[in-house]
Amino acid sequence: MASLNSVLLGLISILSLFSCLILSEETTTHPLKGGSTNYTNVAIIGVVFCKSCKFRDYNSSMDASPITGAIVRVTCYYSTRNPVSMAITTGKKGFFYLTWPNVVKFSPKKCRAYLGWSPFSFCKLPIYRNGSISAPIEFNGVRNMSHGLQAMYSAGVLLYGPTANNKLCHVP
């Protein structure tokens, strides 16, 4: 478990670097303060993998492969009756970059990331840390954009697991 945690922390660092590389705008780190902000939008990044499945771009240190075409949903619970959600499909190598425009307020403590759907019937059981049913959203920095400031957050590495023994996955 300790090696999985260190791999996950490494991947989160890679995600942070990835977000800076794919975007040409400057990133600085300032915490998002509560209440009214001057942020024009929020971006949430992450990556989705299939644990114990060996296919394209398999990462042996993680014992997992990225999933292109998975759906990730971010839901914020500002009120119990009206949660706000957005969904995105992962791109190449399982990465996603969800932007939430016209932000009036955003509280990462009230928001969670969920694995919504896997394109692989053999790898569709969500695996979250600490027995949770979702993943936390964590602050990653602030970017200066031509149209204002963008607050950057990460959902980290999200994992699906195999549903049963099959030829593409090995199950310990």
C-alpha atoms as a PDB file:
ATOM      1  CA  MET A   1       0.000   0.000   0.000  1.00  0.00           C
ATOM      2  CA  ALA A   2       2.880   2.347   0.792  1.00  0.00           C
ATOM      3  CA  SER A   3       4.334   1.925  -2.715  1.00  0.00           C
ATOM      4  CA  LEU A   4       0.916   2.599  -4.289  1.00  0.00           C
ATOM      5  CA  ASN A   5       0.641   5.820  -2.246  1.00  0.00           C
ATOM      6  CA  SER A   6       4.096   6.951  -3.383  1.00  0.00           C
ATOM      7  CA  VAL A   7       3.211   6.170  -7.002  1.00  0.00           C
ATOM      8  CA  LEU A   8      -0.055   8.105  -6.642  1.00  0.00           C
ATOM      9  CA  LEU A   9       1.772  11.107  -5.173  1.00  0.00           C
ATOM     10  CA  GLY A  10       4.246  10.927  -8.051  1.00  0.00           C
ATOM     11  CA  LEU A  11       1.425  10.878 -10.580  1.00  0.00           C
ATOM     12  CA  ILE A  12      -0.243  13.861  -8.932  1.00  0.00           C
ATOM     13  CA  SER A  13       3.056  15.723  -9.304  1.00  0.00           C
ATOM     14  CA  ILE A  14       3.170  14.678 -12.955  1.00  0.00           C
ATOM     15  CA  LEU A  15      -0.403  15.945 -13.387  1.00  0.00           C
ATOM     16  CA  SER A  16       0.626  19.307 -11.999  1.00  0.00           C
ATOM     17  CA  LEU A  17       3.547  19.455 -14.411  1.00  0.00           C
ATOM     18  CA  PHE A  18       1.330  18.212 -17.263  1.00  0.00           C
ATOM     19  CA  SER A  19      -1.194  20.988 -16.664  1.00  0.00           C
ATOM     20  CA  CYS A  20       1.581  23.570 -16.864  1.00  0.00           C
ATOM     21  CA  LEU A  21       3.045  22.061 -20.036  1.00  0.00           C
ATOM     22  CA  ILE A  22      -0.182  21.770 -22.022  1.00  0.00           C
ATOM     23  CA  LEU A  23      -1.124  25.342 -21.261  1.00  0.00           C
ATOM     24  CA  SER A  24       1.078  28.223 -22.239  1.00  0.00           C
ATOM     25  CA  GLU A  25      -0.207  30.648 -19.622  1.00  0.00           C
ATOM     26  CA  GLU A  26       1.758  31.314 -16.414  1.00  0.00           C
ATOM     27  CA  THR A  27       0.807  29.408 -13.262  1.00  0.00           C
ATOM     28  CA  THR A  28       1.287  30.805  -9.771  1.00  0.00           C
ATOM     29  CA  THR A  29       0.174  29.406  -6.450  1.00  0.00           C
ATOM     30  CA  HIS A  30      -2.270  31.440  -4.393  1.00  0.00           C
ATOM     31  CA  PRO A  31      -4.911  29.766  -2.251  1.00  0.00           C
ATOM     32  CA  LEU A  32      -8.517  30.241  -3.326  1.00  0.00           C
ATOM     33  CA  LYS A  33     -10.079  32.312  -0.586  1.00  0.00           C
ATOM     34  CA  GLY A  34     -13.628  31.755   0.637  1.00  0.00           C
ATOM     35  CA  GLY A  35     -16.537  33.936  -0.431  1.00  0.00           C
ATOM     36  CA  SER A  36     -16.521  36.150  -3.482  1.00  0.00           C
ATOM     37  CA  THR A  37     -13.475  35.786  -5.756  1.00  0.00           C
ATOM     38  CA  ASN A  38     -12.140  37.375  -8.895  1.00  0.00           C
ATOM     39  CA  TYR A  39     -11.640  34.002 -10.635  1.00  0.00           C
ATOM     40  CA  THR A  40     -13.315  33.752 -14.019  1.00  0.00           C
ATOM     41  CA  ASN A  41     -13.251  29.954 -14.037  1.00  0.00           C
ATOM     42  CA  VAL A  42     -12.023  26.823 -12.300  1.00  0.00           C
ATOM     43  CA  ALA A  43     -10.091  23.974 -13.923  1.00  0.00           C
ATOM     44  CA  ILE A  44      -9.986  20.449 -12.494  1.00  0.00           C
ATOM     45  CA  ILE A  45      -7.438  17.966 -13.818  1.00  0.00           C
ATOM     46  CA  GLY A  46      -6.802  14.280 -13.230  1.00  0.00           C
ATOM     47  CA  VAL A  47      -6.159  10.925 -14.852  1.00  0.00           C
ATOM     48  CA  VAL A  48      -8.052   7.606 -14.916  1.00  0.00           C
ATOM     49  CA  PHE A  49      -6.363   4.189 -14.865  1.00  0.00           C
ATOM     50  CA  CYS A  50      -7.461   0.551 -14.926  1.00  0.00           C
ATOM     51  CA  LYS A  51      -5.666  -1.322 -12.123  1.00  0.00           C
ATOM     52  CA  SER A  52      -4.083  -4.696 -12.988  1.00  0.00           C
ATOM     53  CA  CYS A  53      -4.940  -4.437 -16.687  1.00  0.00           C
ATOM     54  CA  LYS A  54      -2.106  -4.624 -19.171  1.00  0.00           C
ATOM     55  CA  PHE A  55      -2.892  -2.783 -22.373  1.00  0.00           C
ATOM     56  CA  ARG A  56      -1.641   0.256 -24.315  1.00  0.00           C
ATOM     57  CA  ASP A  57       0.649   2.525 -22.239  1.00  0.00           C
ATOM     58  CA  TYR A  58       0.691   0.045 -19.316  1.00  0.00           C
ATOM     59  CA  ASN A  59       2.580   1.480 -16.338  1.00  0.00           C
ATOM     60  CA  SER A  60       4.338  -1.406 -14.584  1.00  0.00           C
ATOM     61  CA  SER A  61       5.217   0.613 -11.463  1.00  0.00           C
ATOM     62  CA  MET A  62       1.499   1.274 -10.925  1.00  0.00           C
ATOM     63  CA  ASP A  63       0.337  -2.064 -12.349  1.00  0.00           C
ATOM     64  CA  ALA A  64      -2.266  -0.077 -14.282  1.00  0.00           C
ATOM     65  CA  SER A  65      -3.121   1.243 -17.734  1.00  0.00           C
ATOM     66  CA  PRO A  66      -4.671   4.605 -18.650  1.00  0.00           C
ATOM     67  CA  ILE A  67      -8.278   4.620 -19.833  1.00  0.00           C
ATOM     68  CA  THR A  68      -9.226   6.826 -22.772  1.00  0.00           C
ATOM     69  CA  GLY A  69     -12.965   7.471 -22.993  1.00  0.00           C
ATOM     70  CA  ALA A  70     -13.883   7.124 -19.300  1.00  0.00           C
ATOM     71  CA  ILE A  71     -16.371   9.601 -17.844  1.00  0.00           C
ATOM     72  CA  VAL A  72     -15.507  11.579 -14.714  1.00  0.00           C
ATOM     73  CA  ARG A  73     -18.106  13.656 -12.874  1.00  0.00           C
ATOM     74  CA  VAL A  74     -17.366  16.472 -10.428  1.00  0.00           C
ATOM     75  CA  THR A  75     -20.233  17.350  -8.081  1.00  0.00           C
ATOM     76  CA  CYS A  76     -20.359  20.225  -5.608  1.00  0.00           C
ATOM     77  CA  TYR A  77     -22.804  20.040  -2.719  1.00  0.00           C
ATOM     78  CA  TYR A  78     -23.534  23.668  -1.888  1.00  0.00           C
ATOM     79  CA  SER A  79     -27.029  22.709  -0.814  1.00  0.00           C
ATOM     80  CA  THR A  80     -28.515  19.300  -0.080  1.00  0.00           C
ATOM     81  CA  ARG A  81     -31.296  19.770  -2.609  1.00  0.00           C
ATOM     82  CA  ASN A  82     -29.424  21.212  -5.560  1.00  0.00           C
ATOM     83  CA  PRO A  83     -25.926  19.810  -6.105  1.00  0.00           C
ATOM     84  CA  VAL A  84     -24.060  21.203  -9.119  1.00  0.00           C
ATOM     85  CA  SER A  85     -22.340  18.703 -11.459  1.00  0.00           C
ATOM     86  CA  MET A  86     -20.178  18.695 -14.560  1.00  0.00           C
ATOM     87  CA  ALA A  87     -18.853  15.672 -16.440  1.00  0.00           C
ATOM     88  CA  ILE A  88     -15.980  15.124 -18.856  1.00  0.00           C
ATOM     89  CA  THR A  89     -14.604  12.245 -20.917  1.00  0.00           C
ATOM     90  CA  THR A  90     -10.932  11.346 -20.537  1.00  0.00           C
ATOM     91  CA  GLY A  91      -8.664  11.945 -23.493  1.00  0.00           C
ATOM     92  CA  LYS A  92      -5.384  10.380 -24.519  1.00  0.00           C
ATOM     93  CA  LYS A  93      -3.618   8.452 -21.790  1.00  0.00           C
ATOM     94  CA  GLY A  94      -6.600   8.875 -19.442  1.00  0.00           C
ATOM     95  CA  PHE A  95      -6.135  12.607 -18.771  1.00  0.00           C
ATOM     96  CA  PHE A  96      -9.004  15.000 -18.225  1.00  0.00           C
ATOM     97  CA  TYR A  97      -9.103  18.780 -17.980  1.00  0.00           C
ATOM     98  CA  LEU A  98     -12.519  20.030 -16.908  1.00  0.00           C
ATOM     99  CA  THR A  99     -13.154  23.776 -16.942  1.00  0.00           C
ATOM    100  CA  TRP A 100     -15.948  25.325 -14.941  1.00  0.00           C
ATOM    101  CA  PRO A 101     -16.684  28.774 -16.445  1.00  0.00           C
ATOM    102  CA  ASN A 102     -18.316  31.811 -14.839  1.00  0.00           C
ATOM    103  CA  VAL A 103     -17.527  30.840 -11.267  1.00  0.00           C
ATOM    104  CA  VAL A 104     -19.416  32.767  -8.621  1.00  0.00           C
ATOM    105  CA  LYS A 105     -18.179  30.603  -5.744  1.00  0.00           C
ATOM    106  CA  PHE A 106     -16.185  27.404  -5.528  1.00  0.00           C
ATOM    107  CA  SER A 107     -15.364  25.429  -2.413  1.00  0.00           C
ATOM    108  CA  PRO A 108     -13.219  22.338  -3.009  1.00  0.00           C
ATOM    109  CA  LYS A 109     -14.230  20.975   0.407  1.00  0.00           C
ATOM    110  CA  LYS A 110     -17.808  20.731  -0.880  1.00  0.00           C
ATOM    111  CA  CYS A 111     -16.823  19.134  -4.204  1.00  0.00           C
ATOM    112  CA  ARG A 112     -15.941  15.524  -5.052  1.00  0.00           C
ATOM    113  CA  ALA A 113     -14.835  13.638  -8.178  1.00  0.00           C
ATOM    114  CA  TYR A 114     -16.632  10.431  -9.169  1.00  0.00           C
ATOM    115  CA  LEU A 115     -15.849   7.776 -11.720  1.00  0.00           C
ATOM    116  CA  GLY A 116     -18.954   7.809 -13.876  1.00  0.00           C
ATOM    117  CA  TRP A 117     -18.355   5.197 -16.570  1.00  0.00           C
ATOM    118  CA  SER A 118     -15.628   2.978 -18.014  1.00  0.00           C
ATOM    119  CA  PRO A 119     -15.569   1.958 -21.676  1.00  0.00           C
ATOM    120  CA  PHE A 120     -14.244  -1.463 -20.626  1.00  0.00           C
ATOM    121  CA  SER A 121     -16.752  -3.981 -19.289  1.00  0.00           C
ATOM    122  CA  PHE A 122     -13.882  -5.948 -17.715  1.00  0.00           C
ATOM    123  CA  CYS A 123     -12.606  -2.923 -15.752  1.00  0.00           C
ATOM    124  CA  LYS A 124     -15.466  -0.940 -14.263  1.00  0.00           C
ATOM    125  CA  LEU A 125     -15.292  -1.195 -10.473  1.00  0.00           C
ATOM    126  CA  PRO A 126     -14.303   2.204  -8.980  1.00  0.00           C
ATOM    127  CA  ILE A 127     -11.452   2.054  -6.446  1.00  0.00           C
ATOM    128  CA  TYR A 128     -11.124   5.030  -4.109  1.00  0.00           C
ATOM    129  CA  ARG A 129      -8.678   5.665  -1.256  1.00  0.00           C
ATOM    130  CA  ASN A 130      -9.659   4.905   2.311  1.00  0.00           C
ATOM    131  CA  GLY A 131     -12.874   3.093   1.374  1.00  0.00           C
ATOM    132  CA  SER A 132     -14.491   6.310   0.148  1.00  0.00           C
ATOM    133  CA  ILE A 133     -17.052   6.504  -2.651  1.00  0.00           C
ATOM    134  CA  SER A 134     -15.412   9.532  -4.297  1.00  0.00           C
ATOM    135  CA  ALA A 135     -12.151  11.455  -4.591  1.00  0.00           C
ATOM    136  CA  PRO A 136     -11.367  14.851  -3.036  1.00  0.00           C
ATOM    137  CA  ILE A 137     -10.570  17.951  -5.085  1.00  0.00           C
ATOM    138  CA  GLU A 138      -7.298  19.602  -4.038  1.00  0.00           C
ATOM    139  CA  PHE A 139      -5.949  23.076  -4.777  1.00  0.00           C
ATOM    140  CA  ASN A 140      -3.160  23.144  -7.345  1.00  0.00           C
ATOM    141  CA  GLY A 141      -2.525  26.832  -8.133  1.00  0.00           C
ATOM    142  CA  VAL A 142      -3.805  29.892  -9.973  1.00  0.00           C
ATOM    143  CA  ARG A 143      -3.191  30.698 -13.635  1.00  0.00           C
ATOM    144  CA  ASN A 144      -3.218  34.143 -15.226  1.00  0.00           C
ATOM    145  CA  MET A 145      -5.416  33.877 -18.299  1.00  0.00           C
ATOM    146  CA  SER A 146      -6.102  36.521 -20.938  1.00  0.00           C
ATOM    147  CA  HIS A 147      -9.689  36.736 -19.636  1.00  0.00           C
ATOM    148  CA  GLY A 148      -8.866  36.677 -15.893  1.00  0.00           C
ATOM    149  CA  LEU A 149      -7.612  34.280 -13.244  1.00  0.00           C
ATOM    150  CA  GLN A 150      -8.206  30.517 -13.352  1.00  0.00           C
ATOM    151  CA  ALA A 151      -8.077  28.484 -10.141  1.00  0.00           C
ATOM    152  CA  MET A 152      -6.463  25.062 -10.756  1.00  0.00           C
ATOM    153  CA  TYR A 153      -7.498  21.943  -8.818  1.00  0.00           C
ATOM    154  CA  SER A 154      -6.637  18.254  -9.069  1.00  0.00           C
ATOM    155  CA  ALA A 155      -8.740  15.162  -8.582  1.00  0.00           C
ATOM    156  CA  GLY A 156      -5.516  13.149  -8.755  1.00  0.00           C
ATOM    157  CA  VAL A 157      -5.347   9.582 -10.004  1.00  0.00           C
ATOM    158  CA  LEU A 158      -8.687   7.785 -10.238  1.00  0.00           C
ATOM    159  CA  LEU A 159      -8.710   3.989 -10.513  1.00  0.00           C
ATOM    160  CA  TYR A 160     -11.048   1.358 -11.888  1.00  0.00           C
ATOM    161  CA  GLY A 161     -10.473  -2.292 -11.039  1.00  0.00           C
ATOM    162  CA  PRO A 162     -11.227  -5.485 -12.957  1.00  0.00           C
ATOM    163  CA  THR A 163     -14.620  -7.093 -12.487  1.00  0.00           C
ATOM    164  CA  ALA A 164     -13.311 -10.673 -12.744  1.00  0.00           C
ATOM    165  CA  ASN A 165     -10.353 -12.686 -13.985  1.00  0.00           C
ATOM    166  CA  ASN A 166      -9.868 -12.197 -17.701  1.00  0.00           C
ATOM    167  CA  LYS A 167      -7.142 -12.336 -20.330  1.00  0.00           C
ATOM    168  CA  LEU A 168      -6.287  -8.629 -20.299  1.00  0.00           C
ATOM    169  CA  CYS A 169      -6.069  -8.212 -16.526  1.00  0.00           C
ATOM    170  CA  HIS A 170      -4.224 -10.154 -13.904  1.00  0.00           C
ATOM    171  CA  VAL A 171      -5.836 -10.219 -10.517  1.00  0.00           C
ATOM    172  CA  PRO A 172      -3.569 -10.998  -7.534  1.00  0.00           C
END
